[in-house]
C-alpha atoms as a PDB file:
ATOM      1  CA  ILE A   1     164.905 -69.487  97.739  1.00  0.00           C
ATOM      2  CA  PRO A   2     167.601 -72.188  97.238  1.00  0.00           C
ATOM      3  CA  ASP A   3     170.353 -73.054  99.909  1.00  0.00           C
ATOM      4  CA  GLU A   4     172.578 -70.078 100.070  1.00  0.00           C
ATOM      5  CA  LYS A   5     175.410 -71.897 101.775  1.00  0.00           C
ATOM      6  CA  ALA A   6     175.546 -74.639  99.092  1.00  0.00           C
ATOM      7  CA  VAL A   7     178.848 -74.614  97.039  1.00  0.00           C
ATOM      8  CA  ASP A   8     180.289 -76.456  94.532  1.00  0.00           C
ATOM      9  CA  GLY A   9     183.596 -78.365  93.986  1.00  0.00           C
ATOM     10  CA  SER A  10     185.488 -75.146  93.286  1.00  0.00           C
ATOM     11  CA  ALA A  11     183.882 -73.440  96.495  1.00  0.00           C
ATOM     12  CA  LEU A  12     181.844 -70.976  94.447  1.00  0.00           C
ATOM     13  CA  HIS A  13     178.280 -70.559  95.692  1.00  0.00           C
ATOM     14  CA  ARG A  14     176.070 -73.270  93.642  1.00  0.00           C
ATOM     15  CA  TRP A  15     172.825 -71.350  93.541  1.00  0.00           C
ATOM     16  CA  VAL A  16     173.123 -67.583  94.470  1.00  0.00           C
ATOM     17  CA  GLU A  17     175.280 -65.070  92.574  1.00  0.00           C
ATOM     18  CA  SER A  18     176.175 -62.571  95.134  1.00  0.00           C
ATOM     19  CA  ASN A  19     176.983 -62.493  99.134  1.00  0.00           C
ATOM     20  CA  LYS A  20     174.320 -59.719  99.744  1.00  0.00           C
ATOM     21  CA  ILE A  21     170.947 -58.638  98.247  1.00  0.00           C
ATOM     22  CA  TYR A  22     171.476 -55.120  96.551  1.00  0.00           C
ATOM     23  CA  ALA A  23     167.746 -54.031  96.674  1.00  0.00           C
ATOM     24  CA  SER A  24     166.405 -51.715  99.381  1.00  0.00           C
ATOM     25  CA  GLY A  25     162.969 -53.235  99.092  1.00  0.00           C
ATOM     26  CA  LEU A  26     160.464 -55.681  97.036  1.00  0.00           C
ATOM     27  CA  ILE A  27     156.895 -54.728  95.728  1.00  0.00           C
ATOM     28  CA  VAL A  28     155.038 -57.595  93.859  1.00  0.00           C
ATOM     29  CA  SER A  29     151.576 -57.483  92.900  1.00  0.00           C
ATOM     30  CA  ALA A  30     150.814 -61.264  94.243  1.00  0.00           C
ATOM     31  CA  TYR A  31     152.595 -63.183  96.880  1.00  0.00           C
ATOM     32  CA  ILE A  32     151.751 -66.750  98.463  1.00  0.00           C
ATOM     33  CA  GLU A  33     153.508 -67.985 101.600  1.00  0.00           C
ATOM     34  CA  GLN A  34     153.798 -71.848 100.538  1.00  0.00           C
ATOM     35  CA  TYR A  35     156.921 -71.934  98.110  1.00  0.00           C
ATOM     36  CA  SER A  36     156.846 -74.764  95.790  1.00  0.00           C
ATOM     37  CA  HIS A  37     160.262 -74.627  93.892  1.00  0.00           C
ATOM     38  CA  TRP A  38     162.138 -78.166  94.110  1.00  0.00           C
ATOM     39  CA  ASN A  39     165.329 -76.259  95.110  1.00  0.00           C
ATOM     40  CA  ALA A  40     163.879 -74.141  97.895  1.00  0.00           C
ATOM     41  CA  MET A  41     165.165 -73.941 101.400  1.00  0.00           C
ATOM     42  CA  GLU A  42     163.177 -71.131 102.753  1.00  0.00           C
ATOM     43  CA  SER A  43     160.604 -68.511 101.684  1.00  0.00           C
ATOM     44  CA  LEU A  44     160.948 -65.130 100.114  1.00  0.00           C
ATOM     45  CA  SER A  45     159.563 -63.727 103.243  1.00  0.00           C
ATOM     46  CA  SER A  46     162.042 -65.237 105.633  1.00  0.00           C
ATOM     47  CA  LEU A  47     165.088 -63.996 103.118  1.00  0.00           C
ATOM     48  CA  LEU A  48     163.661 -60.315 103.351  1.00  0.00           C
ATOM     49  CA  LYS A  49     163.199 -60.814 106.977  1.00  0.00           C
ATOM     50  CA  LYS A  50     166.814 -61.950 107.522  1.00  0.00           C
ATOM     51  CA  HIS A  51     168.371 -59.413 105.408  1.00  0.00           C
ATOM     52  CA  ASN A  52     166.045 -56.463 106.929  1.00  0.00           C
ATOM     53  CA  ILE A  53     164.472 -55.640 103.390  1.00  0.00           C
ATOM     54  CA  PRO A  54     160.953 -54.295 103.206  1.00  0.00           C
ATOM     55  CA  GLY A  55     158.419 -55.925 101.037  1.00  0.00           C
ATOM     56  CA  LEU A  56     154.896 -55.030  99.961  1.00  0.00           C
ATOM     57  CA  TYR A  57     152.450 -56.742  97.953  1.00  0.00           C
ATOM     58  CA  GLY A  58     148.690 -56.664  96.696  1.00  0.00           C
END
């Protein structure tokens, strides 16, 4: 997950499109805890926990 607090010269969020997550849950077939995107600041798991969104995988 990219830095949620990063803003550009116009004070617009640089990497995120909304102030909140609108999904009520997330289900994926596979999940890897070690993220590797060059712009990642935190894992998907930590973002879901921070916003109290349940997630399932498998």
